[in-house]
Amino acid sequence: MLNDEQIERYSRHIILKDIGGTGQEKILNGKVLIIGMGGLGAPAALYLAAAGVGTLGLVDGDVVDLSNLQRQVIHFTPDVGRPKVESAKEKIAQINPDVKVNTHHTLATADTIIDLMKDYDFIIDGTDNFPAKFLINDACVIAKKPYSHGGILRFDGQTLTHTPGEMCYRCVFHSPPPPNAVPTCSQAGVLGAIAGMLGTMQAAEALKYLTGVGDLLTNKLLIFNAKNMAFRTVKMKRNPKCPVCGDNPTITQLEDYEQAICALKK
C-alpha cells in the first residue's frame, strides 16, 4: 500500500489511467540494473529514481572526468575524480529516498556480468563501446533477461529493447567491428543533449516493462538524428541464424572482446 507521502510524490503517475496506484506499486517493487553511469546511464538513473523504481543497481568502474560533465548530468563539477557509481548514488538519494541503490565500482566482464544481473528485472545498457554492448546482449539472451540497448555518436542515436524470445542486438549487428573501425565519442564527439534524449527513452522502456503498459521497442530499431529531428523505426525479426538467440546458437559462453583504447590528446 502506498503511504500518504508516496501518493503525493507519485500523484502524476497515479492519475494516469494506464498506471494508477497498481502500476506505481509495480514500479516501487521493480529492480533495474544500469550498466554504465555515463551519458546514457546518467539520465536513465535520474528518471528511474524520480519514478520510484524500488532498487537501482549501478555498474561502472570509472571515475568522473571533467569532459564527462557536458552530457553525464548526474555528475557535478565537485564530483570530478570520484567513482561514478558513488556520485550517482548520492544524487539518487537526494531525488528520492524510496530508492535502494546497489553500487558496483567495477567493469562488467564475462566472468561477472551474469552474477551482477541475476537479481534484476530489467537491464539498461548505458555503455559506450562495442565490446561491452555485445557482452551485455549475449549475457541477457543467455540469462533470459530483458534489456534496453542504446548507442549515440555525433548527432545520432539508436535503441532497441530485447525480451526473451525476440530479436536481439546480434540479429542486427552480427559481431563487433574491428578496433578503430568505428570512431568513438572521444574521437568524433557527441552533442550532449543526444545522451539525454536516448537515456530517457531507455528509462521509459524500463518503466513500460515493469508496469506492462504500452508496446516495447521489441523487434524494432529506433534511429534518430537530432540535427534535423528525424526519427525512424525499422521493423525487424529475430534472425533464426543469429549466433546467440537463433535456433542453433553457437555462442553459449560469454567472451570479453578486445577494447579499443582511444581518447582526446591533451
Protein backbone atom coordinates (compact mmCIF):
# COMPACT_ATOMS: atom_id res chain seq x y z
CA MET A 1 0.00 0.00 0.00
CA LEU A 2 1.20 3.48 -0.83
CA ASN A 3 1.59 5.84 2.11
CA ASP A 4 0.41 9.45 2.03
CA GLU A 5 3.81 10.84 1.09
CA GLN A 6 4.13 8.37 -1.79
CA ILE A 7 0.64 9.19 -3.02
CA GLU A 8 1.66 12.83 -3.24
CA ARG A 9 5.11 12.15 -4.70
CA TYR A 10 3.82 9.86 -7.44
CA SER A 11 0.46 11.58 -7.98
CA ARG A 12 1.13 12.30 -11.67
CA HIS A 13 1.70 8.59 -12.24
CA ILE A 14 -1.27 7.56 -10.14
CA ILE A 15 -3.73 9.74 -12.09
CA LEU A 16 -2.53 8.23 -15.36
CA LYS A 17 -5.24 5.82 -16.47
CA ASP A 18 -2.73 3.18 -17.60
CA ILE A 19 -0.55 3.38 -14.46
CA GLY A 20 -2.63 4.17 -11.38
CA GLY A 21 -1.76 3.02 -7.89
CA THR A 22 -1.29 -0.57 -9.02
CA GLY A 23 1.24 0.42 -11.66
CA GLN A 24 3.13 2.62 -9.20
CA GLU A 25 3.37 -0.27 -6.78
CA LYS A 26 4.88 -2.36 -9.58
CA ILE A 27 7.46 0.39 -10.14
CA LEU A 28 8.23 0.53 -6.41
CA ASN A 29 8.78 -3.24 -6.41
CA GLY A 30 10.87 -3.12 -9.60
CA LYS A 31 14.61 -3.71 -9.86
CA VAL A 32 16.63 -2.19 -12.71
CA LEU A 33 20.36 -2.59 -13.35
CA ILE A 34 22.14 0.19 -15.25
CA ILE A 35 25.49 -0.79 -16.73
CA GLY A 36 27.47 2.37 -17.41
CA MET A 37 26.90 5.60 -15.49
CA GLY A 38 27.85 7.90 -18.36
CA GLY A 39 25.88 9.80 -20.98
CA LEU A 40 23.03 7.28 -21.19
CA GLY A 41 23.05 5.84 -17.69
CA ALA A 42 23.02 9.27 -16.04
CA PRO A 43 19.63 10.49 -17.36
CA ALA A 44 18.18 6.98 -17.17
CA ALA A 45 19.09 6.78 -13.48
CA LEU A 46 17.66 10.23 -12.74
CA TYR A 47 14.28 9.43 -14.26
CA LEU A 48 14.05 5.91 -12.84
CA ALA A 49 14.86 7.28 -9.39
CA ALA A 50 12.26 10.02 -9.74
CA ALA A 51 9.72 7.44 -10.88
CA GLY A 52 10.29 5.42 -7.73
CA VAL A 53 11.92 2.24 -9.03
CA GLY A 54 12.48 0.32 -5.81
CA THR A 55 16.02 -0.90 -6.46
CA LEU A 56 18.60 0.51 -8.85
CA GLY A 57 21.88 -1.27 -9.48
CA LEU A 58 24.71 0.88 -10.84
CA VAL A 59 27.74 -0.67 -12.55
CA ASP A 60 30.74 1.41 -13.62
CA GLY A 61 34.45 1.10 -12.94
CA ASP A 62 35.33 4.66 -13.93
CA VAL A 63 35.69 7.96 -12.10
CA VAL A 64 34.17 11.30 -13.08
CA ASP A 65 36.27 13.29 -15.56
CA LEU A 66 35.80 16.95 -16.42
CA SER A 67 34.99 16.03 -20.03
CA ASN A 68 32.08 13.88 -18.80
CA LEU A 69 30.11 16.83 -17.47
CA GLN A 70 28.99 18.02 -20.93
CA ARG A 71 26.45 15.15 -21.06
CA GLN A 72 26.60 12.99 -17.90
CA VAL A 73 24.11 15.09 -15.98
CA ILE A 74 24.03 13.07 -12.77
CA HIS A 75 27.61 14.18 -12.03
CA PHE A 76 28.54 17.71 -10.90
CA THR A 77 31.81 19.65 -11.04
CA PRO A 78 32.79 18.81 -7.42
CA ASP A 79 32.45 15.11 -8.32
CA VAL A 80 35.46 15.12 -10.65
CA GLY A 81 37.76 12.30 -9.53
CA ARG A 82 35.04 10.42 -7.60
CA PRO A 83 33.77 6.96 -8.63
CA LYS A 84 30.80 7.49 -10.92
CA VAL A 85 28.65 4.99 -9.03
CA GLU A 86 29.15 6.87 -5.75
CA SER A 87 28.45 10.25 -7.37
CA ALA A 88 25.27 8.86 -8.90
CA LYS A 89 24.13 7.18 -5.68
CA GLU A 90 24.42 10.49 -3.84
CA LYS A 91 22.17 12.30 -6.36
CA ILE A 92 19.62 9.47 -6.40
CA ALA A 93 19.31 9.66 -2.62
CA GLN A 94 18.60 13.38 -2.88
CA ILE A 95 15.97 12.83 -5.58
CA ASN A 96 14.13 10.00 -3.90
CA PRO A 97 14.84 8.29 -0.55
CA ASP A 98 12.42 5.49 -1.53
CA VAL A 99 15.07 4.06 -3.89
CA LYS A 100 17.58 1.45 -2.73
CA VAL A 101 20.86 1.79 -4.64
CA ASN A 102 23.39 -1.01 -5.08
CA THR A 103 26.74 0.21 -6.38
CA HIS A 104 29.34 -1.87 -8.21
CA HIS A 105 32.55 0.10 -8.83
CA THR A 106 33.78 -2.40 -11.40
CA LEU A 107 33.59 -3.25 -15.07
CA ALA A 108 31.08 -5.83 -16.21
CA THR A 109 33.07 -8.75 -17.62
CA ALA A 110 32.32 -12.19 -18.99
CA ASP A 111 33.13 -13.62 -15.54
CA THR A 112 30.98 -11.20 -13.53
CA ILE A 113 28.04 -9.97 -15.61
CA ILE A 114 25.63 -12.87 -15.05
CA ASP A 115 26.06 -12.54 -11.28
CA LEU A 116 25.62 -8.76 -11.48
CA MET A 117 22.33 -9.14 -13.40
CA LYS A 118 20.76 -12.05 -11.56
CA ASP A 119 18.58 -10.14 -9.08
CA TYR A 120 17.21 -7.54 -11.52
CA ASP A 121 14.05 -7.40 -13.61
CA PHE A 122 15.39 -5.22 -16.43
CA ILE A 123 18.85 -4.20 -17.66
CA ILE A 124 19.85 -0.90 -19.28
CA ASP A 125 22.93 -0.81 -21.48
CA GLY A 126 24.45 2.61 -20.87
CA THR A 127 27.92 1.68 -22.14
CA ASP A 128 29.88 3.48 -24.83
CA ASN A 129 31.84 0.74 -26.59
CA PHE A 130 31.10 -2.27 -28.78
CA PRO A 131 32.76 -4.98 -26.65
CA ALA A 132 30.55 -4.06 -23.69
CA LYS A 133 27.40 -3.87 -25.84
CA PHE A 134 27.92 -7.33 -27.31
CA LEU A 135 28.73 -8.75 -23.88
CA ILE A 136 25.56 -7.27 -22.36
CA ASN A 137 23.43 -8.54 -25.24
CA ASP A 138 24.85 -12.06 -25.07
CA ALA A 139 24.54 -12.20 -21.29
CA CYS A 140 20.92 -11.02 -21.36
CA VAL A 141 19.98 -13.55 -24.05
CA ILE A 142 21.69 -16.42 -22.23
CA ALA A 143 20.27 -15.40 -18.84
CA LYS A 144 16.84 -14.63 -20.35
CA LYS A 145 16.87 -11.04 -19.11
CA PRO A 146 15.08 -8.17 -20.88
CA TYR A 147 17.20 -5.15 -21.66
CA SER A 148 17.39 -1.82 -23.48
CA HIS A 149 20.25 -1.16 -25.88
CA GLY A 150 21.29 2.40 -26.63
CA GLY A 151 24.04 3.92 -28.74
CA ILE A 152 24.98 7.53 -29.59
CA LEU A 153 27.53 9.27 -31.80
CA ARG A 154 27.74 12.87 -33.03
CA PHE A 155 24.05 13.83 -33.61
CA ASP A 156 22.70 10.27 -33.90
CA GLY A 157 21.10 7.79 -31.57
CA GLN A 158 19.66 4.29 -31.81
CA THR A 159 17.85 2.00 -29.42
CA LEU A 160 16.05 -1.33 -29.25
CA THR A 161 14.58 -3.48 -26.50
CA HIS A 162 15.20 -7.19 -26.22
CA THR A 163 12.91 -9.56 -24.35
CA PRO A 164 13.41 -13.34 -24.20
CA GLY A 165 12.48 -14.99 -27.50
CA GLU A 166 12.57 -11.76 -29.51
CA MET A 167 15.18 -10.13 -31.75
CA CYS A 168 18.48 -9.27 -30.09
CA TYR A 169 21.31 -6.84 -30.88
CA ARG A 170 23.26 -9.54 -32.76
CA CYS A 171 20.33 -10.09 -35.10
CA VAL A 172 21.11 -6.60 -36.44
CA PHE A 173 24.85 -6.32 -35.81
CA HIS A 174 26.44 -9.74 -36.14
CA SER A 175 29.77 -9.09 -34.40
CA PRO A 176 31.89 -6.24 -33.00
CA PRO A 177 33.69 -4.16 -35.63
CA PRO A 178 37.49 -4.33 -35.68
CA PRO A 179 39.21 -1.96 -33.22
CA ASN A 180 39.30 1.63 -34.55
CA ALA A 181 36.98 0.79 -37.48
CA VAL A 182 34.23 2.96 -35.98
CA PRO A 183 35.05 6.21 -34.15
CA THR A 184 34.08 6.61 -30.52
CA CYS A 185 32.57 9.67 -28.88
CA SER A 186 36.04 10.70 -27.70
CA GLN A 187 37.19 10.70 -31.34
CA ALA A 188 34.14 12.00 -33.19
CA GLY A 189 32.24 13.88 -30.48
CA VAL A 190 28.61 13.82 -29.43
CA LEU A 191 26.01 16.52 -28.85
CA GLY A 192 25.38 16.29 -25.11
CA ALA A 193 21.59 16.52 -25.32
CA ILE A 194 21.52 13.39 -27.53
CA ALA A 195 22.53 11.36 -24.49
CA GLY A 196 19.63 12.83 -22.53
CA MET A 197 17.16 12.07 -25.31
CA LEU A 198 18.22 8.45 -25.56
CA GLY A 199 18.76 7.78 -21.87
CA THR A 200 15.23 8.93 -21.05
CA MET A 201 13.88 6.68 -23.83
CA GLN A 202 15.65 3.76 -22.17
CA ALA A 203 14.16 4.73 -18.80
CA ALA A 204 10.71 4.84 -20.40
CA GLU A 205 11.22 1.32 -21.80
CA ALA A 206 12.16 0.07 -18.33
CA LEU A 207 9.06 1.65 -16.77
CA LYS A 208 6.85 0.25 -19.53
CA TYR A 209 8.29 -3.20 -18.91
CA LEU A 210 7.77 -3.01 -15.14
CA THR A 211 4.17 -1.82 -15.47
CA GLY A 212 3.19 -3.80 -18.58
CA VAL A 213 1.98 -0.61 -20.25
CA GLY A 214 2.32 0.10 -23.96
CA ASP A 215 4.42 -1.52 -26.66
CA LEU A 216 8.12 -2.04 -26.12
CA LEU A 217 10.73 -1.48 -28.83
CA THR A 218 10.98 -5.22 -29.40
CA ASN A 219 11.64 -6.41 -32.95
CA LYS A 220 12.29 -2.77 -33.84
CA LEU A 221 15.28 -0.46 -34.16
CA LEU A 222 14.54 3.19 -33.41
CA ILE A 223 17.01 5.53 -35.12
CA PHE A 224 17.09 9.31 -34.82
CA ASN A 225 19.18 12.24 -35.98
CA ALA A 226 18.87 15.33 -33.81
CA LYS A 227 20.43 17.61 -36.40
CA ASN A 228 17.19 17.55 -38.39
CA MET A 229 14.99 15.85 -35.72
CA ALA A 230 14.28 12.89 -37.99
CA PHE A 231 13.05 9.70 -36.31
CA ARG A 232 12.67 6.32 -37.99
CA THR A 233 11.53 2.97 -36.62
CA VAL A 234 12.71 -0.05 -38.58
CA LYS A 235 10.75 -3.25 -38.06
CA MET A 236 12.97 -6.29 -37.60
CA LYS A 237 12.62 -10.00 -36.96
CA ARG A 238 14.61 -12.46 -34.90
CA ASN A 239 17.27 -13.99 -37.12
CA PRO A 240 16.98 -17.79 -36.87
CA LYS A 241 20.70 -17.93 -37.74
CA CYS A 242 21.69 -15.44 -35.01
CA PRO A 243 24.72 -16.88 -33.21
CA VAL A 244 23.27 -16.21 -29.74
CA CYS A 245 19.44 -16.14 -29.96
CA GLY A 246 18.97 -18.20 -33.12
CA ASP A 247 17.62 -21.72 -33.49
CA ASN A 248 21.08 -23.29 -33.18
CA PRO A 249 23.19 -20.83 -31.18
CA THR A 250 26.95 -21.06 -31.45
CA ILE A 251 27.58 -18.56 -28.64
CA THR A 252 26.79 -20.39 -25.42
CA GLN A 253 29.57 -18.95 -23.27
CA LEU A 254 30.42 -15.32 -22.69
CA GLU A 255 33.58 -13.72 -24.05
CA ASP A 256 35.36 -10.44 -23.41
CA TYR A 257 36.12 -8.76 -26.74
CA GLU A 258 39.10 -6.51 -27.37
CA GLN A 259 38.54 -2.97 -26.17
CA ALA A 260 39.84 -0.22 -28.43
CA ILE A 261 41.59 2.45 -26.35
CA CYS A 262 41.33 6.00 -27.59
CA ALA A 263 40.95 9.40 -26.02
CA LEU A 264 41.45 13.04 -26.76
CA LYS A 265 45.08 14.01 -26.66
CA LYS A 266 45.74 16.94 -24.37
